[in-house]
Amino acid sequence: MLEVVEGALDTARFYTQWERECVAHNCGAFCVFTGVVRAQESEFEGLSFDVHMPLLQAWFQDWQTKAQARGVVLKMAHSRGDVLVSQSSYMVGLMSEHRQAPLELYGAFIEDFKHNAPIWKYYLQNKQRVYAKDQSHPLKGSGLLA
């Protein structure tokens, strides 16, 4: 399951929903990662995100296939638009019968997301969006969307 929402994530809602699914499927392992926007400099108000949904869905489907092959259910939620300091923009949940497989996928998924997911980040500064080029990575094969 992939969900993109406008603005900050309601992390309690996602955690509760995913935990209920974990219990319903009799899983013994539930790993969650939550990304929180942190203060950076005095004019920094938060982050803003643009998402290319067709590419994100394809990227996520590839990861779901990898996870399913290992007996892991993979969930992800991400923000589109503005997310202020101390709010959450990214959440990942992995659940499985046992802990080993989700723990092995956990770090690899998060790192691949950071470098290859088609989501573009902007700094919110002085009520403006400024492209976060220093935190961006070229999108494989695009030549354009960097």
N, C-alpha and C. Protein backbone atom coordinates (compact mmCIF):
# COMPACT_ATOMS: atom_id res chain seq x y z
N MET A 1 0.83 -1.17 0.00
CA MET A 1 0.00 0.00 0.00
C MET A 1 0.87 1.24 0.00
N LEU A 2 0.61 2.11 -0.90
CA LEU A 2 1.27 3.40 -1.02
C LEU A 2 0.20 4.47 -0.91
N GLU A 3 0.42 5.44 -0.04
CA GLU A 3 -0.54 6.54 0.09
C GLU A 3 0.22 7.85 0.11
N VAL A 4 -0.21 8.79 -0.75
CA VAL A 4 0.35 10.13 -0.78
C VAL A 4 -0.75 11.08 -0.34
N VAL A 5 -0.45 11.92 0.64
CA VAL A 5 -1.45 12.84 1.19
C VAL A 5 -0.97 14.28 1.08
N GLU A 6 -1.90 15.18 1.03
CA GLU A 6 -1.57 16.61 1.01
C GLU A 6 -1.17 17.05 2.41
N GLY A 7 -0.02 17.69 2.52
CA GLY A 7 0.44 18.21 3.81
C GLY A 7 1.04 17.13 4.68
N ALA A 8 1.18 17.47 5.96
CA ALA A 8 1.83 16.57 6.93
C ALA A 8 1.04 15.28 7.12
N LEU A 9 1.76 14.23 7.46
CA LEU A 9 1.13 12.93 7.72
C LEU A 9 0.52 12.89 9.12
N ASP A 10 -0.59 12.24 9.22
CA ASP A 10 -1.18 11.90 10.52
C ASP A 10 -0.56 10.56 10.92
N THR A 11 0.59 10.61 11.55
CA THR A 11 1.35 9.40 11.84
C THR A 11 0.60 8.44 12.75
N ALA A 12 -0.17 8.97 13.68
CA ALA A 12 -0.93 8.10 14.58
C ALA A 12 -1.94 7.27 13.80
N ARG A 13 -2.58 7.88 12.80
CA ARG A 13 -3.55 7.16 11.97
C ARG A 13 -2.88 6.03 11.21
N PHE A 14 -1.75 6.33 10.57
CA PHE A 14 -1.05 5.29 9.80
C PHE A 14 -0.55 4.18 10.72
N TYR A 15 0.06 4.55 11.83
CA TYR A 15 0.59 3.54 12.74
C TYR A 15 -0.53 2.61 13.21
N THR A 16 -1.63 3.19 13.64
CA THR A 16 -2.76 2.40 14.15
C THR A 16 -3.32 1.49 13.06
N GLN A 17 -3.50 2.03 11.87
CA GLN A 17 -4.04 1.25 10.74
C GLN A 17 -3.11 0.09 10.41
N TRP A 18 -1.81 0.35 10.31
CA TRP A 18 -0.85 -0.69 9.95
C TRP A 18 -0.70 -1.71 11.08
N GLU A 19 -0.72 -1.25 12.31
CA GLU A 19 -0.59 -2.18 13.44
C GLU A 19 -1.80 -3.12 13.48
N ARG A 20 -2.99 -2.60 13.24
CA ARG A 20 -4.18 -3.47 13.19
C ARG A 20 -4.05 -4.52 12.10
N GLU A 21 -3.53 -4.12 10.95
CA GLU A 21 -3.34 -5.08 9.86
C GLU A 21 -2.30 -6.13 10.26
N CYS A 22 -1.25 -5.71 10.94
CA CYS A 22 -0.22 -6.63 11.42
C CYS A 22 -0.83 -7.68 12.34
N VAL A 23 -1.64 -7.24 13.28
CA VAL A 23 -2.29 -8.15 14.23
C VAL A 23 -3.28 -9.06 13.50
N ALA A 24 -4.05 -8.51 12.57
CA ALA A 24 -5.04 -9.29 11.83
C ALA A 24 -4.39 -10.41 11.01
N HIS A 25 -3.16 -10.18 10.57
CA HIS A 25 -2.44 -11.19 9.77
C HIS A 25 -1.50 -12.03 10.63
N ASN A 26 -1.61 -11.89 11.94
CA ASN A 26 -0.82 -12.68 12.88
C ASN A 26 0.68 -12.53 12.66
N CYS A 27 1.10 -11.31 12.34
CA CYS A 27 2.53 -11.03 12.15
C CYS A 27 3.19 -10.80 13.51
N GLY A 28 4.42 -11.25 13.63
CA GLY A 28 5.16 -11.07 14.88
C GLY A 28 6.14 -9.92 14.82
N ALA A 29 6.35 -9.34 13.63
CA ALA A 29 7.29 -8.23 13.48
C ALA A 29 6.61 -7.07 12.77
N PHE A 30 6.83 -5.88 13.31
CA PHE A 30 6.27 -4.66 12.74
C PHE A 30 7.31 -3.56 12.90
N CYS A 31 7.97 -3.20 11.80
CA CYS A 31 9.03 -2.19 11.81
C CYS A 31 8.48 -0.92 11.17
N VAL A 32 8.67 0.22 11.84
CA VAL A 32 8.16 1.50 11.34
C VAL A 32 9.28 2.53 11.36
N PHE A 33 9.37 3.30 10.28
CA PHE A 33 10.28 4.43 10.21
C PHE A 33 9.44 5.66 9.91
N THR A 34 9.70 6.74 10.65
CA THR A 34 8.99 7.99 10.43
C THR A 34 10.00 9.10 10.24
N GLY A 35 9.86 9.85 9.15
CA GLY A 35 10.72 11.00 8.89
C GLY A 35 10.04 12.26 9.38
N VAL A 36 10.75 13.02 10.19
CA VAL A 36 10.24 14.26 10.78
C VAL A 36 11.06 15.43 10.25
N VAL A 37 10.40 16.49 9.80
CA VAL A 37 11.10 17.68 9.32
C VAL A 37 11.72 18.38 10.52
N ARG A 38 13.02 18.60 10.44
CA ARG A 38 13.72 19.24 11.55
C ARG A 38 14.18 20.63 11.16
N ALA A 39 14.32 21.49 12.15
CA ALA A 39 14.78 22.87 11.93
C ALA A 39 16.19 22.85 11.37
N GLN A 40 16.47 23.77 10.45
CA GLN A 40 17.80 23.83 9.85
C GLN A 40 18.44 25.20 10.01
N GLU A 41 17.74 26.25 9.72
CA GLU A 41 18.28 27.60 9.86
C GLU A 41 17.14 28.55 10.20
N SER A 42 17.47 29.78 10.54
CA SER A 42 16.45 30.69 11.06
C SER A 42 15.29 30.96 10.11
N GLU A 43 15.55 31.03 8.79
CA GLU A 43 14.45 31.31 7.85
C GLU A 43 13.73 30.04 7.39
N PHE A 44 14.19 28.90 7.84
CA PHE A 44 13.64 27.62 7.41
C PHE A 44 12.32 27.35 8.13
N GLU A 45 11.25 27.20 7.34
CA GLU A 45 9.92 26.97 7.90
C GLU A 45 9.47 25.53 7.76
N GLY A 46 10.08 24.81 6.81
CA GLY A 46 9.69 23.44 6.57
C GLY A 46 10.14 22.99 5.20
N LEU A 47 9.50 21.93 4.72
CA LEU A 47 9.80 21.39 3.40
C LEU A 47 8.52 21.32 2.58
N SER A 48 8.68 21.27 1.28
CA SER A 48 7.55 21.08 0.38
C SER A 48 7.97 20.03 -0.64
N PHE A 49 7.02 19.22 -1.08
CA PHE A 49 7.33 18.08 -1.94
C PHE A 49 6.44 18.06 -3.18
N ASP A 50 7.07 17.74 -4.31
CA ASP A 50 6.36 17.41 -5.54
C ASP A 50 6.54 15.91 -5.76
N VAL A 51 5.49 15.25 -6.21
CA VAL A 51 5.51 13.79 -6.38
C VAL A 51 5.06 13.46 -7.80
N HIS A 52 5.81 12.60 -8.47
CA HIS A 52 5.40 12.09 -9.78
C HIS A 52 4.76 10.72 -9.53
N MET A 53 3.43 10.69 -9.43
CA MET A 53 2.72 9.49 -9.00
C MET A 53 2.95 8.26 -9.88
N PRO A 54 2.87 8.33 -11.21
CA PRO A 54 3.08 7.10 -11.99
C PRO A 54 4.45 6.47 -11.75
N LEU A 55 5.49 7.29 -11.70
CA LEU A 55 6.83 6.76 -11.45
C LEU A 55 6.97 6.25 -10.01
N LEU A 56 6.38 6.96 -9.07
CA LEU A 56 6.44 6.52 -7.67
C LEU A 56 5.72 5.19 -7.50
N GLN A 57 4.56 5.05 -8.13
CA GLN A 57 3.83 3.79 -8.03
C GLN A 57 4.63 2.63 -8.63
N ALA A 58 5.29 2.86 -9.76
CA ALA A 58 6.11 1.81 -10.38
C ALA A 58 7.30 1.47 -9.48
N TRP A 59 7.97 2.49 -8.94
CA TRP A 59 9.10 2.25 -8.04
C TRP A 59 8.66 1.46 -6.81
N PHE A 60 7.52 1.87 -6.23
CA PHE A 60 7.03 1.20 -5.03
C PHE A 60 6.59 -0.23 -5.34
N GLN A 61 5.97 -0.45 -6.48
CA GLN A 61 5.53 -1.81 -6.86
C GLN A 61 6.73 -2.74 -6.96
N ASP A 62 7.84 -2.26 -7.51
CA ASP A 62 9.05 -3.09 -7.56
C ASP A 62 9.47 -3.51 -6.15
N TRP A 63 9.42 -2.58 -5.22
CA TRP A 63 9.79 -2.89 -3.83
C TRP A 63 8.77 -3.83 -3.19
N GLN A 64 7.50 -3.65 -3.47
CA GLN A 64 6.48 -4.56 -2.92
C GLN A 64 6.72 -5.98 -3.41
N THR A 65 7.08 -6.13 -4.67
CA THR A 65 7.37 -7.45 -5.22
C THR A 65 8.56 -8.09 -4.49
N LYS A 66 9.63 -7.31 -4.27
CA LYS A 66 10.79 -7.81 -3.52
C LYS A 66 10.39 -8.21 -2.10
N ALA A 67 9.58 -7.37 -1.46
CA ALA A 67 9.16 -7.63 -0.08
C ALA A 67 8.28 -8.89 -0.01
N GLN A 68 7.32 -8.99 -0.90
CA GLN A 68 6.42 -10.15 -0.90
C GLN A 68 7.17 -11.45 -1.10
N ALA A 69 8.21 -11.41 -1.92
CA ALA A 69 9.01 -12.61 -2.15
C ALA A 69 9.71 -13.07 -0.87
N ARG A 70 9.88 -12.16 0.07
CA ARG A 70 10.51 -12.48 1.36
C ARG A 70 9.48 -12.65 2.47
N GLY A 71 8.18 -12.60 2.12
CA GLY A 71 7.13 -12.75 3.12
C GLY A 71 6.88 -11.50 3.93
N VAL A 72 7.21 -10.34 3.36
CA VAL A 72 7.06 -9.07 4.06
C VAL A 72 5.98 -8.23 3.38
N VAL A 73 5.12 -7.62 4.18
CA VAL A 73 4.14 -6.66 3.70
C VAL A 73 4.77 -5.28 3.87
N LEU A 74 4.77 -4.48 2.80
CA LEU A 74 5.41 -3.17 2.80
C LEU A 74 4.35 -2.08 2.65
N LYS A 75 4.44 -1.06 3.50
CA LYS A 75 3.51 0.08 3.46
C LYS A 75 4.34 1.36 3.41
N MET A 76 3.83 2.38 2.73
CA MET A 76 4.51 3.67 2.70
C MET A 76 3.49 4.78 2.58
N ALA A 77 3.75 5.86 3.30
CA ALA A 77 2.96 7.08 3.18
C ALA A 77 3.94 8.24 3.02
N HIS A 78 3.58 9.19 2.16
CA HIS A 78 4.43 10.36 1.96
C HIS A 78 3.55 11.58 1.72
N SER A 79 4.12 12.72 2.05
CA SER A 79 3.43 14.00 1.86
C SER A 79 3.67 14.57 0.48
N ARG A 80 2.68 15.33 0.03
CA ARG A 80 2.80 16.18 -1.14
C ARG A 80 2.47 17.57 -0.64
N GLY A 81 3.20 18.57 -1.11
CA GLY A 81 2.95 19.93 -0.63
C GLY A 81 3.77 20.23 0.61
N ASP A 82 3.28 21.18 1.40
CA ASP A 82 4.06 21.73 2.51
C ASP A 82 3.94 20.92 3.80
N VAL A 83 5.10 20.75 4.45
CA VAL A 83 5.20 20.08 5.74
C VAL A 83 6.11 20.94 6.61
N LEU A 84 5.59 21.42 7.71
CA LEU A 84 6.34 22.35 8.55
C LEU A 84 7.28 21.62 9.51
N VAL A 85 8.21 22.39 10.08
CA VAL A 85 9.15 21.85 11.06
C VAL A 85 8.37 21.15 12.17
N SER A 86 8.86 19.99 12.57
CA SER A 86 8.31 19.11 13.61
C SER A 86 7.13 18.26 13.13
N GLN A 87 6.76 18.38 11.87
CA GLN A 87 5.72 17.52 11.31
C GLN A 87 6.38 16.39 10.51
N SER A 88 5.62 15.35 10.23
CA SER A 88 6.14 14.19 9.52
C SER A 88 5.74 14.21 8.05
N SER A 89 6.70 13.79 7.20
CA SER A 89 6.46 13.77 5.76
C SER A 89 6.60 12.37 5.15
N TYR A 90 7.12 11.42 5.93
CA TYR A 90 7.46 10.11 5.36
C TYR A 90 7.31 9.04 6.42
N MET A 91 6.67 7.95 6.02
CA MET A 91 6.47 6.85 6.95
C MET A 91 6.50 5.54 6.19
N VAL A 92 7.20 4.56 6.75
CA VAL A 92 7.33 3.24 6.14
C VAL A 92 6.99 2.20 7.20
N GLY A 93 6.25 1.19 6.80
CA GLY A 93 5.96 0.07 7.70
C GLY A 93 6.24 -1.25 7.00
N LEU A 94 6.93 -2.14 7.69
CA LEU A 94 7.20 -3.48 7.18
C LEU A 94 6.71 -4.47 8.22
N MET A 95 5.96 -5.46 7.79
CA MET A 95 5.45 -6.46 8.72
C MET A 95 5.65 -7.85 8.15
N SER A 96 5.88 -8.78 9.07
CA SER A 96 6.15 -10.15 8.66
C SER A 96 5.94 -11.08 9.85
N GLU A 97 5.92 -12.36 9.56
CA GLU A 97 5.77 -13.36 10.61
C GLU A 97 6.92 -13.26 11.62
N HIS A 98 8.14 -13.09 11.10
CA HIS A 98 9.33 -13.01 11.95
C HIS A 98 10.10 -11.73 11.64
N ARG A 99 11.06 -11.36 12.47
CA ARG A 99 11.75 -10.07 12.36
C ARG A 99 12.86 -10.01 11.32
N GLN A 100 13.49 -11.10 10.98
CA GLN A 100 14.71 -11.06 10.16
C GLN A 100 14.47 -10.41 8.79
N ALA A 101 13.50 -10.86 8.05
CA ALA A 101 13.28 -10.34 6.68
C ALA A 101 12.93 -8.85 6.68
N PRO A 102 12.00 -8.37 7.51
CA PRO A 102 11.73 -6.93 7.46
C PRO A 102 12.92 -6.08 7.90
N LEU A 103 13.68 -6.57 8.87
CA LEU A 103 14.86 -5.81 9.30
C LEU A 103 15.91 -5.74 8.19
N GLU A 104 16.05 -6.79 7.41
CA GLU A 104 17.00 -6.79 6.30
C GLU A 104 16.56 -5.83 5.19
N LEU A 105 15.27 -5.71 4.94
CA LEU A 105 14.76 -4.83 3.89
C LEU A 105 14.69 -3.36 4.32
N TYR A 106 14.52 -3.14 5.59
CA TYR A 106 14.28 -1.82 6.18
C TYR A 106 15.28 -0.76 5.69
N GLY A 107 16.53 -0.94 5.96
CA GLY A 107 17.55 0.04 5.59
C GLY A 107 17.70 0.19 4.09
N ALA A 108 17.69 -0.92 3.37
CA ALA A 108 17.85 -0.87 1.91
C ALA A 108 16.70 -0.09 1.27
N PHE A 109 15.49 -0.31 1.75
CA PHE A 109 14.33 0.40 1.20
C PHE A 109 14.46 1.90 1.44
N ILE A 110 14.79 2.28 2.67
CA ILE A 110 14.87 3.70 3.02
C ILE A 110 15.96 4.39 2.21
N GLU A 111 17.12 3.75 2.05
CA GLU A 111 18.21 4.35 1.27
C GLU A 111 17.83 4.45 -0.21
N ASP A 112 17.20 3.43 -0.75
CA ASP A 112 16.79 3.49 -2.15
C ASP A 112 15.74 4.57 -2.36
N PHE A 113 14.84 4.71 -1.40
CA PHE A 113 13.84 5.78 -1.47
C PHE A 113 14.54 7.14 -1.56
N LYS A 114 15.49 7.36 -0.69
CA LYS A 114 16.18 8.65 -0.62
C LYS A 114 16.85 9.00 -1.94
N HIS A 115 17.36 8.00 -2.65
CA HIS A 115 18.12 8.26 -3.87
C HIS A 115 17.34 8.09 -5.16
N ASN A 116 16.24 7.32 -5.14
CA ASN A 116 15.59 6.96 -6.41
C ASN A 116 14.09 7.21 -6.51
N ALA A 117 13.43 7.51 -5.42
CA ALA A 117 11.99 7.77 -5.52
C ALA A 117 11.76 9.11 -6.21
N PRO A 118 10.79 9.19 -7.11
CA PRO A 118 10.53 10.42 -7.86
C PRO A 118 9.73 11.45 -7.04
N ILE A 119 10.40 11.94 -6.01
CA ILE A 119 9.83 12.97 -5.14
C ILE A 119 10.86 14.09 -5.06
N TRP A 120 10.44 15.32 -5.32
CA TRP A 120 11.34 16.45 -5.32
C TRP A 120 11.06 17.33 -4.12
N LYS A 121 12.16 17.74 -3.47
CA LYS A 121 12.08 18.46 -2.20
C LYS A 121 12.43 19.94 -2.41
N TYR A 122 11.68 20.78 -1.69
CA TYR A 122 11.92 22.22 -1.68
C TYR A 122 11.99 22.68 -0.23
N TYR A 123 12.83 23.68 0.02
CA TYR A 123 12.86 24.32 1.33
C TYR A 123 11.78 25.39 1.35
N LEU A 124 11.09 25.52 2.46
CA LEU A 124 10.18 26.63 2.66
C LEU A 124 10.95 27.69 3.43
N GLN A 125 11.22 28.80 2.76
CA GLN A 125 11.99 29.90 3.36
C GLN A 125 11.33 31.21 2.99
N ASN A 126 11.07 32.03 3.99
CA ASN A 126 10.45 33.35 3.75
C ASN A 126 9.19 33.23 2.89
N LYS A 127 8.37 32.22 3.18
CA LYS A 127 7.09 31.99 2.49
C LYS A 127 7.26 31.63 1.01
N GLN A 128 8.46 31.14 0.63
CA GLN A 128 8.71 30.73 -0.74
C GLN A 128 9.26 29.30 -0.77
N ARG A 129 9.07 28.63 -1.91
CA ARG A 129 9.65 27.31 -2.13
C ARG A 129 10.96 27.48 -2.88
N VAL A 130 12.04 26.92 -2.31
CA VAL A 130 13.37 27.00 -2.92
C VAL A 130 13.83 25.56 -3.16
N TYR A 131 14.10 25.21 -4.42
CA TYR A 131 14.49 23.84 -4.75
C TYR A 131 15.70 23.41 -3.91
N ALA A 132 15.60 22.24 -3.30
CA ALA A 132 16.66 21.72 -2.42
C ALA A 132 17.67 20.93 -3.24
N LYS A 133 18.38 21.61 -4.10
CA LYS A 133 19.33 20.96 -5.00
C LYS A 133 20.40 20.19 -4.22
N ASP A 134 20.81 20.71 -3.07
CA ASP A 134 21.86 20.04 -2.28
C ASP A 134 21.40 18.71 -1.69
N GLN A 135 20.10 18.46 -1.67
CA GLN A 135 19.56 17.20 -1.15
C GLN A 135 18.95 16.34 -2.25
N SER A 136 19.18 16.71 -3.49
CA SER A 136 18.56 16.02 -4.62
C SER A 136 19.53 15.06 -5.28
N HIS A 137 18.97 14.06 -5.92
CA HIS A 137 19.72 13.07 -6.67
C HIS A 137 19.09 12.95 -8.04
N PRO A 138 19.91 12.80 -9.09
CA PRO A 138 19.34 12.63 -10.43
C PRO A 138 18.45 11.39 -10.49
N LEU A 139 17.36 11.50 -11.18
CA LEU A 139 16.45 10.37 -11.38
C LEU A 139 17.01 9.51 -12.50
N LYS A 140 17.25 8.25 -12.23
CA LYS A 140 17.86 7.34 -13.21
C LYS A 140 17.13 7.38 -14.54
N GLY A 141 17.89 7.59 -15.61
CA GLY A 141 17.34 7.52 -16.94
C GLY A 141 16.59 8.74 -17.41
N SER A 142 16.43 9.76 -16.57
CA SER A 142 15.62 10.90 -16.98
C SER A 142 16.43 11.93 -17.76
N GLY A 143 17.60 12.25 -17.27
CA GLY A 143 18.37 13.30 -17.89
C GLY A 143 17.78 14.68 -17.68
N LEU A 144 16.56 14.74 -17.12
CA LEU A 144 15.88 16.02 -16.97
C LEU A 144 15.48 16.31 -15.52
N LEU A 145 14.97 15.34 -14.85
CA LEU A 145 14.38 15.56 -13.52
C LEU A 145 15.42 15.38 -12.43
N ALA A 146 16.28 16.34 -12.26
CA ALA A 146 17.32 16.25 -11.22
C ALA A 146 17.07 17.25 -10.13
